Structures are given as structure tokens and as C-alpha cells.
N, C-alpha and C. Protein backbone atom coordinates (compact mmCIF):
# COMPACT_ATOMS: atom_id res chain seq x y z
N GLU A 1 -18.09 11.99 -9.90
CA GLU A 1 -19.40 11.67 -10.43
C GLU A 1 -19.81 10.37 -9.53
N THR A 2 -20.75 10.26 -8.78
CA THR A 2 -21.10 9.02 -8.19
C THR A 2 -22.60 8.75 -8.92
N GLN A 3 -22.70 7.47 -9.20
CA GLN A 3 -23.78 6.71 -9.69
C GLN A 3 -24.74 6.12 -8.95
N CYS A 4 -25.51 6.06 -8.84
CA CYS A 4 -26.19 4.85 -7.58
C CYS A 4 -26.48 3.68 -8.05
N LEU A 5 -26.43 2.85 -7.40
CA LEU A 5 -26.39 1.42 -8.48
C LEU A 5 -28.03 0.82 -8.57
N GLU A 6 -28.48 1.47 -7.73
CA GLU A 6 -29.77 1.21 -7.31
C GLU A 6 -30.91 1.55 -8.09
N CYS A 7 -30.78 3.41 -8.33
CA CYS A 7 -31.74 3.74 -9.13
C CYS A 7 -30.99 4.51 -10.47
N GLU A 8 -30.15 4.20 -10.02
CA GLU A 8 -29.01 5.01 -11.44
C GLU A 8 -29.14 6.43 -11.48
N ASN A 9 -29.69 7.11 -10.40
CA ASN A 9 -29.37 8.55 -10.38
C ASN A 9 -27.91 8.73 -10.34
N ARG A 10 -27.31 10.11 -10.91
CA ARG A 10 -25.77 10.39 -10.83
C ARG A 10 -25.61 11.84 -10.37
N THR A 11 -24.59 11.63 -9.41
CA THR A 11 -24.42 13.36 -8.64
C THR A 11 -23.25 13.65 -9.18
N ARG A 12 -23.32 14.89 -9.24
CA ARG A 12 -21.72 15.41 -9.79
C ARG A 12 -21.40 16.77 -8.89
N VAL A 13 -20.06 16.76 -8.49
CA VAL A 13 -19.78 17.99 -7.36
C VAL A 13 -18.51 17.99 -8.30
N PRO A 14 -18.75 19.43 -8.94
CA PRO A 14 -17.16 20.00 -9.28
C PRO A 14 -16.12 20.41 -8.54
N GLU A 15 -15.26 20.18 -8.25
CA GLU A 15 -14.27 20.80 -7.49
C GLU A 15 -12.91 21.60 -8.35
N GLU A 16 -12.58 22.34 -7.36
CA GLU A 16 -11.28 23.12 -8.36
C GLU A 16 -9.90 22.53 -7.73
N PHE A 17 -9.01 22.73 -8.36
CA PHE A 17 -7.57 21.58 -7.50
C PHE A 17 -6.61 22.66 -8.20
N MET A 18 -5.53 22.45 -7.43
CA MET A 18 -4.49 22.75 -7.97
C MET A 18 -3.20 21.78 -8.02
N ASP A 19 -3.56 20.75 -7.82
CA ASP A 19 -2.66 19.84 -8.21
C ASP A 19 -3.49 18.30 -8.14
N ILE A 20 -3.05 16.98 -8.81
CA ILE A 20 -3.56 15.79 -8.65
C ILE A 20 -3.04 14.74 -7.90
N THR A 21 -3.59 13.92 -6.70
CA THR A 21 -2.62 13.04 -6.49
C THR A 21 -2.96 11.82 -7.06
N VAL A 22 -1.90 11.27 -7.66
CA VAL A 22 -1.37 10.03 -7.89
C VAL A 22 -0.94 8.64 -7.31
N PRO A 23 -2.00 8.24 -6.96
CA PRO A 23 -1.71 6.67 -6.16
C PRO A 23 -0.67 5.63 -6.70
N ILE A 24 0.41 5.91 -5.96
CA ILE A 24 1.16 4.09 -6.81
C ILE A 24 0.98 3.42 -5.74
N PRO A 25 0.92 1.90 -6.75
CA PRO A 25 0.64 0.72 -6.71
C PRO A 25 1.78 0.26 -5.83
N ASP A 26 1.34 -0.32 -4.50
CA ASP A 26 2.67 -0.67 -3.61
C ASP A 26 3.24 -2.15 -4.17
N ASP A 27 2.38 -2.78 -5.35
CA ASP A 27 2.75 -4.03 -5.55
C ASP A 27 3.69 -4.23 -6.91
N ASP A 28 3.67 -5.62 -7.36
CA ASP A 28 4.45 -5.31 -8.92
C ASP A 28 3.78 -4.93 -9.74
N LEU A 29 4.08 -3.63 -10.59
CA LEU A 29 3.14 -3.80 -11.79
C LEU A 29 3.04 -4.33 -12.96
N GLU A 30 3.49 -5.55 -12.96
CA GLU A 30 3.93 -6.49 -14.19
C GLU A 30 2.17 -7.11 -13.77
N GLY A 31 1.44 -7.33 -12.69
CA GLY A 31 0.32 -8.42 -12.89
C GLY A 31 -0.66 -7.42 -12.88
N LEU A 32 -0.61 -5.87 -13.02
CA LEU A 32 -1.71 -5.07 -13.45
C LEU A 32 -2.70 -5.22 -14.54
N GLU A 33 -3.71 -5.24 -14.69
CA GLU A 33 -4.19 -5.59 -16.63
C GLU A 33 -5.60 -4.72 -16.42
N GLU A 34 -5.73 -4.52 -17.60
CA GLU A 34 -6.74 -3.32 -17.63
C GLU A 34 -7.98 -4.17 -18.10
N GLU A 35 -9.04 -3.27 -18.09
CA GLU A 35 -10.84 -4.04 -18.30
C GLU A 35 -10.39 -4.51 -19.24
N ASP A 36 -10.07 -4.86 -20.87
CA ASP A 36 -9.68 -5.51 -21.76
C ASP A 36 -8.84 -6.53 -21.63
N GLY A 37 -8.37 -6.71 -20.45
CA GLY A 37 -7.15 -7.80 -20.75
C GLY A 37 -6.13 -7.10 -20.66
N GLU A 38 -5.47 -6.28 -21.29
CA GLU A 38 -3.91 -6.39 -22.14
C GLU A 38 -3.27 -5.67 -20.57
N HIS A 39 -1.91 -5.72 -20.72
CA HIS A 39 -1.38 -5.69 -19.07
C HIS A 39 -0.99 -4.00 -19.83
N ARG A 40 -0.86 -3.50 -18.43
CA ARG A 40 -0.81 -2.00 -18.80
C ARG A 40 0.47 -1.60 -18.55
N ARG A 41 1.42 -1.69 -19.38
CA ARG A 41 2.84 -1.18 -19.56
C ARG A 41 2.78 -0.26 -20.23
N ASN A 42 2.13 0.57 -21.02
CA ASN A 42 2.20 1.82 -21.60
C ASN A 42 2.00 2.76 -20.50
N PRO A 43 3.33 3.51 -20.24
CA PRO A 43 3.50 4.56 -19.29
C PRO A 43 2.37 5.76 -19.24
N VAL A 44 2.15 5.97 -20.42
CA VAL A 44 0.94 7.01 -20.68
C VAL A 44 -0.36 6.40 -19.89
N THR A 45 -0.83 5.27 -20.58
CA THR A 45 -1.98 4.63 -19.67
C THR A 45 -2.04 3.92 -18.57
N LEU A 46 -0.78 3.77 -18.11
CA LEU A 46 -0.63 3.63 -16.79
C LEU A 46 -0.84 4.70 -15.87
N LEU A 47 -0.30 5.91 -16.03
CA LEU A 47 -0.52 6.63 -15.35
C LEU A 47 -1.95 7.76 -15.36
N VAL A 48 -2.28 7.81 -16.93
CA VAL A 48 -3.93 8.32 -16.62
C VAL A 48 -4.88 7.49 -16.33
N ASN A 49 -4.88 6.08 -16.29
CA ASN A 49 -5.66 4.82 -15.40
C ASN A 49 -5.64 5.57 -14.01
N SER A 50 -4.36 5.73 -13.28
CA SER A 50 -4.30 5.96 -12.01
C SER A 50 -4.83 7.41 -11.67
N ILE A 51 -5.01 8.27 -12.32
CA ILE A 51 -5.45 9.53 -12.38
C ILE A 51 -7.37 9.30 -12.62
N CYS A 52 -7.55 9.23 -13.58
CA CYS A 52 -9.12 8.73 -13.91
C CYS A 52 -9.37 7.78 -13.22
N THR A 53 -9.83 7.76 -12.55
CA THR A 53 -10.67 6.31 -11.56
C THR A 53 -11.42 5.94 -11.41
N THR A 54 -11.88 4.23 -11.35
CA THR A 54 -13.52 4.36 -11.17
C THR A 54 -13.44 3.13 -9.94
N GLU A 55 -14.46 3.34 -8.64
CA GLU A 55 -14.21 2.73 -8.11
C GLU A 55 -16.18 2.21 -7.57
N ILE A 56 -16.13 0.93 -7.07
CA ILE A 56 -17.35 0.78 -6.47
C ILE A 56 -17.41 0.96 -4.36
N LEU A 57 -18.43 1.65 -4.45
CA LEU A 57 -18.72 2.32 -2.86
C LEU A 57 -19.47 0.78 -2.77
N GLY A 58 -19.37 -0.21 -1.67
CA GLY A 58 -20.37 -1.13 -1.22
C GLY A 58 -19.77 -1.42 0.30
N GLU A 59 -20.50 -2.32 0.65
CA GLU A 59 -20.53 -3.27 2.18
C GLU A 59 -20.26 -1.78 3.14
N THR A 60 -19.03 -1.60 3.54
CA THR A 60 -18.99 -0.84 4.79
C THR A 60 -18.55 0.73 3.85
N GLU A 61 -18.74 1.32 2.99
CA GLU A 61 -18.94 2.53 2.33
C GLU A 61 -19.76 2.79 1.38
N LYS A 62 -21.02 2.37 1.71
CA LYS A 62 -21.98 2.76 0.67
C LYS A 62 -22.57 4.01 0.84
N TYR A 63 -23.02 4.25 -0.38
CA TYR A 63 -23.32 6.07 -0.29
C TYR A 63 -24.80 6.22 -0.52
N TRP A 64 -25.29 7.30 0.29
CA TRP A 64 -26.20 8.05 0.47
C TRP A 64 -26.80 8.66 -0.39
N CYS A 65 -27.84 7.89 -1.01
CA CYS A 65 -28.63 8.48 -2.91
C CYS A 65 -30.06 9.28 -1.72
N LEU A 66 -29.53 10.89 -2.20
CA LEU A 66 -30.39 11.49 -2.66
C LEU A 66 -31.83 10.86 -3.09
N HIS A 67 -31.69 10.37 -4.20
CA HIS A 67 -33.10 10.15 -4.77
C HIS A 67 -33.84 8.90 -4.25
N CYS A 68 -33.28 7.76 -3.83
CA CYS A 68 -33.40 6.46 -2.88
C CYS A 68 -33.76 6.94 -1.54
N HIS A 69 -33.27 7.82 -0.70
CA HIS A 69 -33.56 8.26 0.46
C HIS A 69 -32.81 6.81 1.11
N ARG A 70 -31.72 6.53 1.14
CA ARG A 70 -31.14 5.40 1.41
C ARG A 70 -29.95 4.68 0.93
N LEU A 71 -29.13 4.08 2.10
CA LEU A 71 -27.48 3.77 1.65
C LEU A 71 -27.59 2.75 0.80
N ASN A 72 -27.04 2.78 -0.61
CA ASN A 72 -26.79 2.23 -1.63
C ASN A 72 -25.55 1.75 -2.14
N GLU A 73 -25.66 0.41 -2.39
CA GLU A 73 -23.78 0.75 -3.29
C GLU A 73 -23.73 1.54 -4.12
N ALA A 74 -22.70 1.90 -5.15
CA ALA A 74 -22.43 3.16 -6.16
C ALA A 74 -21.37 2.79 -6.47
N ARG A 75 -21.20 3.39 -7.78
CA ARG A 75 -19.83 3.46 -8.53
C ARG A 75 -19.54 5.37 -8.30
N ARG A 76 -18.30 5.72 -8.06
CA ARG A 76 -17.74 6.52 -8.14
C ARG A 76 -16.44 6.90 -9.15
N SER A 77 -16.50 7.68 -10.00
CA SER A 77 -15.84 7.83 -10.84
C SER A 77 -14.89 9.34 -10.78
N VAL A 78 -13.62 9.61 -10.88
CA VAL A 78 -12.84 10.99 -10.70
C VAL A 78 -12.85 10.84 -12.36
N SER A 79 -13.13 12.30 -12.80
CA SER A 79 -12.62 12.80 -14.34
C SER A 79 -12.89 14.46 -14.04
N TYR A 80 -12.16 15.31 -15.19
CA TYR A 80 -11.39 16.37 -15.44
C TYR A 80 -12.43 17.10 -16.35
N SER A 81 -13.19 17.81 -16.01
CA SER A 81 -13.70 18.71 -17.30
C SER A 81 -12.76 19.65 -17.91
N GLU A 82 -11.96 20.26 -16.99
CA GLU A 82 -11.03 21.00 -18.27
C GLU A 82 -9.50 20.72 -17.26
N LEU A 83 -8.47 21.26 -17.91
CA LEU A 83 -7.32 21.05 -17.33
C LEU A 83 -6.46 22.85 -17.40
N PRO A 84 -5.62 22.75 -16.18
CA PRO A 84 -5.08 24.20 -16.04
C PRO A 84 -3.67 23.76 -17.22
N ASP A 85 -3.38 25.01 -17.36
CA ASP A 85 -2.44 25.18 -18.56
C ASP A 85 -1.04 24.39 -17.88
N VAL A 86 -0.60 24.68 -16.57
CA VAL A 86 0.33 23.46 -15.41
C VAL A 86 -0.25 22.71 -15.15
N LEU A 87 0.23 21.92 -14.81
CA LEU A 87 -0.68 20.51 -14.14
C LEU A 87 0.65 20.05 -13.03
N VAL A 88 -0.03 19.96 -12.11
CA VAL A 88 1.34 19.28 -11.21
C VAL A 88 0.64 18.10 -10.29
N LEU A 89 1.39 16.83 -10.72
CA LEU A 89 1.06 15.58 -10.50
C LEU A 89 1.93 14.91 -9.22
N HIS A 90 1.34 14.87 -8.26
CA HIS A 90 1.96 14.58 -6.81
C HIS A 90 1.87 13.04 -6.59
N LEU A 91 2.86 12.36 -6.95
CA LEU A 91 3.05 11.12 -7.18
C LEU A 91 3.06 10.67 -5.36
N LYS A 92 1.93 9.68 -5.32
CA LYS A 92 2.21 9.13 -3.46
C LYS A 92 3.02 8.15 -3.35
N ARG A 93 4.05 8.52 -3.02
CA ARG A 93 5.26 7.19 -2.52
C ARG A 93 4.76 6.98 -1.25
N PHE A 94 4.10 7.44 -0.18
CA PHE A 94 4.23 6.78 1.03
C PHE A 94 2.73 6.24 1.41
N SER A 95 3.18 4.95 2.11
CA SER A 95 1.45 4.26 2.37
C SER A 95 1.18 3.88 3.63
N ALA A 96 0.03 4.13 4.17
CA ALA A 96 -0.06 3.63 5.74
C ALA A 96 -0.19 2.37 5.52
N HIS A 97 -0.89 1.48 4.52
CA HIS A 97 -1.68 0.25 4.22
C HIS A 97 -0.18 -1.06 4.30
N GLY A 98 -0.58 -2.06 5.00
CA GLY A 98 0.60 -2.79 5.53
C GLY A 98 1.76 -2.47 6.61
N SER A 99 1.50 -1.17 6.92
CA SER A 99 2.55 -0.80 7.83
C SER A 99 2.12 -1.11 9.33
N SER A 100 3.42 -1.91 9.99
CA SER A 100 3.08 -2.43 11.54
C SER A 100 3.36 -1.28 12.01
N THR A 101 3.71 -0.01 11.77
CA THR A 101 4.26 1.13 12.56
C THR A 101 3.64 2.04 12.30
N ILE A 102 3.26 2.99 13.01
CA ILE A 102 2.46 4.09 13.14
C ILE A 102 3.17 5.05 11.76
N ALA A 103 4.52 5.23 11.59
CA ALA A 103 4.87 6.00 10.48
C ALA A 103 4.60 4.98 8.87
N PRO A 104 4.28 5.92 7.73
CA PRO A 104 3.81 5.70 6.71
C PRO A 104 4.58 4.65 6.11
N MET A 105 4.83 3.72 5.20
CA MET A 105 5.73 3.20 4.38
C MET A 105 6.44 3.74 3.21
N LYS A 106 7.31 3.62 2.59
CA LYS A 106 7.64 4.30 1.55
C LYS A 106 7.36 3.15 0.24
N VAL A 107 6.62 3.45 -0.50
CA VAL A 107 6.62 2.64 -1.63
C VAL A 107 7.68 3.14 -2.70
N SER A 108 8.33 1.71 -3.36
CA SER A 108 8.97 1.99 -4.20
C SER A 108 9.16 0.95 -5.47
N SER A 109 7.59 1.05 -5.94
CA SER A 109 7.55 0.31 -6.92
C SER A 109 7.90 1.27 -8.23
N PHE A 110 8.40 0.67 -9.25
CA PHE A 110 8.83 1.34 -10.10
C PHE A 110 7.87 2.17 -11.19
N LEU A 111 7.52 3.61 -11.49
CA LEU A 111 6.37 3.92 -12.08
C LEU A 111 6.75 4.26 -13.49
N PRO A 112 6.80 3.74 -14.42
CA PRO A 112 7.41 4.36 -15.82
C PRO A 112 6.96 5.55 -15.71
N THR A 113 7.87 6.97 -16.06
CA THR A 113 7.02 8.22 -16.14
C THR A 113 7.25 8.84 -17.48
N PRO A 114 6.33 8.96 -18.14
CA PRO A 114 5.98 9.78 -19.88
C PRO A 114 6.93 11.00 -19.94
N LEU A 115 7.74 11.49 -20.78
CA LEU A 115 7.86 12.92 -20.77
C LEU A 115 6.99 13.79 -21.30
N THR A 116 5.86 13.14 -21.88
CA THR A 116 4.35 13.74 -22.60
C THR A 116 3.43 12.98 -22.28
N LEU A 117 2.63 13.85 -21.97
CA LEU A 117 1.53 13.16 -21.41
C LEU A 117 -0.12 13.87 -22.21
N PRO A 118 -0.70 13.02 -23.24
CA PRO A 118 -2.04 13.61 -23.68
C PRO A 118 -2.94 14.51 -22.54
N CYS A 119 -3.75 15.24 -23.01
CA CYS A 119 -4.81 15.95 -22.26
C CYS A 119 -5.66 14.70 -22.11
N PHE A 120 -5.91 14.47 -20.70
CA PHE A 120 -7.21 13.46 -20.83
C PHE A 120 -8.50 14.06 -19.65
N CYS A 121 -9.16 15.41 -20.41
CA CYS A 121 -9.94 15.98 -19.81
C CYS A 121 -11.15 15.24 -20.57
N ALA A 122 -12.64 16.00 -20.27
CA ALA A 122 -13.32 15.05 -20.39
C ALA A 122 -13.63 15.32 -22.16
N ARG A 123 -13.49 16.42 -22.74
CA ARG A 123 -13.63 16.82 -23.62
C ARG A 123 -12.61 15.90 -24.75
N CYS A 124 -11.64 15.70 -24.70
CA CYS A 124 -10.12 15.13 -25.15
C CYS A 124 -10.69 13.15 -25.06
N GLU A 125 -11.21 13.01 -23.98
CA GLU A 125 -11.29 11.74 -23.57
C GLU A 125 -12.58 11.26 -24.25
N ASP A 126 -13.62 11.84 -24.30
CA ASP A 126 -14.89 11.74 -25.48
C ASP A 126 -14.41 11.32 -26.97
N ARG A 127 -13.45 12.39 -27.68
CA ARG A 127 -12.90 12.52 -28.56
C ARG A 127 -12.38 11.41 -28.76
N GLY A 128 -11.01 10.59 -28.03
CA GLY A 128 -10.29 9.25 -28.08
C GLY A 128 -11.60 8.34 -28.17
N LYS A 129 -12.97 8.19 -27.52
CA LYS A 129 -13.64 7.17 -27.59
C LYS A 129 -14.53 7.14 -28.65
N GLY A 130 -14.51 8.18 -29.35
CA GLY A 130 -15.33 8.65 -30.82
C GLY A 130 -16.75 9.29 -30.24
N GLY A 131 -16.59 10.06 -29.23
CA GLY A 131 -17.64 10.71 -29.19
C GLY A 131 -17.32 12.25 -30.24
N GLY A 132 -18.53 13.10 -29.82
CA GLY A 132 -18.38 14.32 -30.38
C GLY A 132 -17.54 15.40 -29.70
N GLY A 133 -17.04 15.10 -28.40
CA GLY A 133 -16.02 16.19 -27.84
C GLY A 133 -17.02 17.31 -27.10
N GLY A 134 -18.06 16.90 -26.74
CA GLY A 134 -18.90 17.88 -26.04
C GLY A 134 -19.49 18.41 -27.00
N GLY A 135 -19.71 18.08 -28.19
CA GLY A 135 -20.88 19.23 -28.90
C GLY A 135 -20.23 19.94 -29.75
N GLU A 136 -18.81 19.91 -30.10
CA GLU A 136 -17.97 20.81 -30.39
C GLU A 136 -16.96 20.37 -31.32
N PRO A 137 -17.74 19.57 -32.33
CA PRO A 137 -16.77 18.86 -33.29
C PRO A 137 -15.74 19.66 -34.04
N SER A 138 -15.56 20.56 -34.18
CA SER A 138 -14.43 21.25 -35.10
C SER A 138 -13.55 21.46 -34.05
N SER A 139 -13.94 21.74 -32.72
CA SER A 139 -12.96 22.42 -31.83
C SER A 139 -11.15 21.48 -31.23
N ALA A 140 -10.15 22.48 -31.69
CA ALA A 140 -9.31 21.64 -31.91
C ALA A 140 -8.64 20.41 -30.14
N PRO A 141 -8.07 19.57 -30.59
CA PRO A 141 -7.67 18.63 -29.41
C PRO A 141 -6.73 19.94 -28.82
N CYS A 142 -6.96 19.77 -27.55
CA CYS A 142 -6.06 19.78 -26.12
C CYS A 142 -4.76 19.92 -26.62
N LEU A 143 -3.91 20.68 -26.41
CA LEU A 143 -2.19 20.48 -26.47
C LEU A 143 -1.97 19.37 -25.40
N PRO A 144 -0.87 18.29 -25.43
CA PRO A 144 -0.27 17.66 -24.37
C PRO A 144 0.39 18.03 -23.62
N PHE A 145 0.88 17.57 -22.28
CA PHE A 145 1.77 18.19 -21.20
C PHE A 145 2.66 17.82 -21.38
N ASP A 146 3.93 18.43 -21.22
CA ASP A 146 5.66 18.19 -21.33
C ASP A 146 5.81 18.11 -19.87
N LEU A 147 6.74 17.12 -19.51
CA LEU A 147 7.26 17.17 -18.18
C LEU A 147 8.69 18.39 -17.99
N PHE A 148 7.95 19.61 -17.23
CA PHE A 148 8.95 19.98 -17.11
C PHE A 148 10.28 20.29 -15.74
N GLY A 149 9.55 19.28 -14.82
CA GLY A 149 10.34 19.26 -13.58
C GLY A 149 9.67 18.35 -12.42
N VAL A 150 10.61 17.56 -12.26
CA VAL A 150 10.30 16.70 -10.82
C VAL A 150 11.07 17.00 -9.46
N ILE A 151 10.16 16.92 -8.83
CA ILE A 151 11.12 16.99 -7.04
C ILE A 151 10.61 15.47 -6.37
N PHE A 152 11.58 14.94 -5.93
CA PHE A 152 11.21 13.58 -5.46
C PHE A 152 12.47 13.50 -4.00
N HIS A 153 12.15 12.72 -3.23
CA HIS A 153 12.49 12.15 -1.91
C HIS A 153 13.27 11.15 -1.85
N GLN A 154 14.74 11.25 -1.39
CA GLN A 154 15.38 10.42 -1.45
C GLN A 154 15.90 9.78 -0.09
N GLY A 155 15.36 8.65 0.30
CA GLY A 155 15.56 8.77 1.88
C GLY A 155 14.67 7.52 1.94
N SER A 156 14.65 6.65 3.30
CA SER A 156 13.57 5.80 3.74
C SER A 156 12.47 6.03 4.42
N SER A 157 12.63 7.10 4.81
CA SER A 157 11.27 7.18 5.47
C SER A 157 10.70 8.74 5.58
N THR A 158 9.58 8.96 6.02
CA THR A 158 9.37 10.40 6.14
C THR A 158 9.72 11.25 7.13
N ILE A 159 10.67 10.42 8.22
CA ILE A 159 11.28 11.46 8.99
C ILE A 159 12.62 11.86 8.74
N SER A 160 13.02 11.04 7.71
CA SER A 160 15.14 11.17 7.27
C SER A 160 14.66 11.17 5.87
N GLY A 161 15.77 11.98 5.37
CA GLY A 161 15.76 12.05 3.80
C GLY A 161 15.99 13.51 3.35
N HIS A 162 15.93 13.85 2.07
CA HIS A 162 16.22 14.71 1.20
C HIS A 162 15.42 15.05 0.03
N CYS A 163 14.79 16.30 -0.17
CA CYS A 163 14.09 16.57 -1.18
C CYS A 163 15.05 17.19 -2.14
N ILE A 164 15.07 16.80 -3.45
CA ILE A 164 15.62 16.89 -4.66
C ILE A 164 14.97 17.09 -5.77
N ALA A 165 15.30 18.47 -6.30
CA ALA A 165 14.36 19.27 -7.74
C ALA A 165 15.40 18.83 -8.62
N LEU A 166 14.50 18.50 -10.25
CA LEU A 166 15.56 18.48 -11.42
C LEU A 166 14.57 18.96 -12.46
N VAL A 167 15.20 20.46 -12.72
CA VAL A 167 14.16 21.03 -13.97
C VAL A 167 14.80 21.16 -15.41
N ARG A 168 13.96 21.08 -16.14
CA ARG A 168 14.59 21.07 -17.56
C ARG A 168 14.75 22.89 -18.16
N LEU A 169 15.91 22.75 -18.21
CA LEU A 169 16.14 24.29 -19.07
C LEU A 169 16.04 24.76 -20.22
N ASP A 170 15.64 23.57 -21.25
CA ASP A 170 15.96 23.83 -22.62
C ASP A 170 14.90 24.48 -22.88
N GLY A 171 15.09 25.11 -23.86
CA GLY A 171 13.59 26.18 -24.72
C GLY A 171 12.98 25.58 -25.18
N GLY A 172 13.15 24.56 -25.98
CA GLY A 172 12.21 23.69 -26.91
C GLY A 172 11.18 24.43 -27.66
N GLY A 173 11.50 23.92 -29.03
CA GLY A 173 10.57 25.02 -30.16
C GLY A 173 9.34 24.20 -29.95
N GLY A 174 8.51 24.62 -30.71
CA GLY A 174 7.32 24.06 -31.03
C GLY A 174 5.80 24.64 -30.06
N GLU A 175 4.44 24.34 -30.36
CA GLU A 175 3.95 24.93 -29.57
C GLU A 175 3.78 23.68 -28.34
N LYS A 176 3.30 24.18 -27.01
CA LYS A 176 3.45 23.91 -25.76
C LYS A 176 2.50 24.61 -24.65
N ARG A 177 1.83 23.71 -24.02
CA ARG A 177 0.94 24.60 -22.98
C ARG A 177 1.89 25.46 -22.20
């Protein structure tokens, strides 16, 4: 969703997706803070905040408002109306920022990864904020996502190294996605 900060008109562009790319900060995670001032040390909070982002478009990247018919500052947010049964997260471990060479630099920051991730679709987020859950107060909450497998790159650059896959084989009981 993009909201013009001049006229407050909102534009939504729904997109289908197969995976979600999660940027990993290339600096120390200790200094990151949430809006309320608490440190983001909870791995679930850190990951969900990296996925569902909000940014201000201004200065060199202003938004063309169809209502105002001009370039304005805007607030762009990423959220998901619904999520698939199998969610693939791509943790972006290479960055072109701060690189003096043409090849991207590997981001080695530690990112705590939860083994279970609660659903963060719009309906579940509304429910967590005390909202009505999209007008369906009797609807059951979505099931959480359990970590099933990991593919990672072992090496110092994009041109050398190995990709390694780890997959959980236990059957596990209970209700799962």
C-alpha cells in the first residue's frame, strides 16, 4: 500500500508471490530499536518487522500521486492479505551497499531465526492489534509456520563457495501447515 502524504489517498497493488525476500541488516543488530523504544532482540519480532516493512518515499524517490497529479512524499508499506501453506523466506545475505568492487559483499550479521513463526497475514495482524480480524470475529487464527528446511551458502563471495541444504525429517505431531 502506498499513501500520499499530501492528500492521504491510498493505492493498493496486490501481487502474487512464491517467496518473500527478507533483507538482513549488515550492521550490528544490538542497536536496532522498534518504534516504542524496545530493543528488537525477540527473533520473531525481528523477522516479522523485516518482512512487513514501512518506508517513507521522499526527496529523490517521490511518488506520483494519481489524485494530486504530481510527485509527493509518500508512505509505502508491505503487508500480506493471505499467506500460502508453505512459506519460503529468502534471507538476503549479499549486499551491494558499501562495496568498493562490482561484486556484492556477503552480509555476515547474525540473524536469530525462530523455529516457529506465527502467521503475519493482515487478518492475524489485525487480531493481534485488537481489531476485528477482517470482520470475522469468529474465525480461527491461522496456523503458525514451522521451520522445515534451510539452504545456505558457505563461502566468502557470490563467485565461490557451496550451497548446503538441511531438512528436518521428524514426522512431528499435532496440527501444522
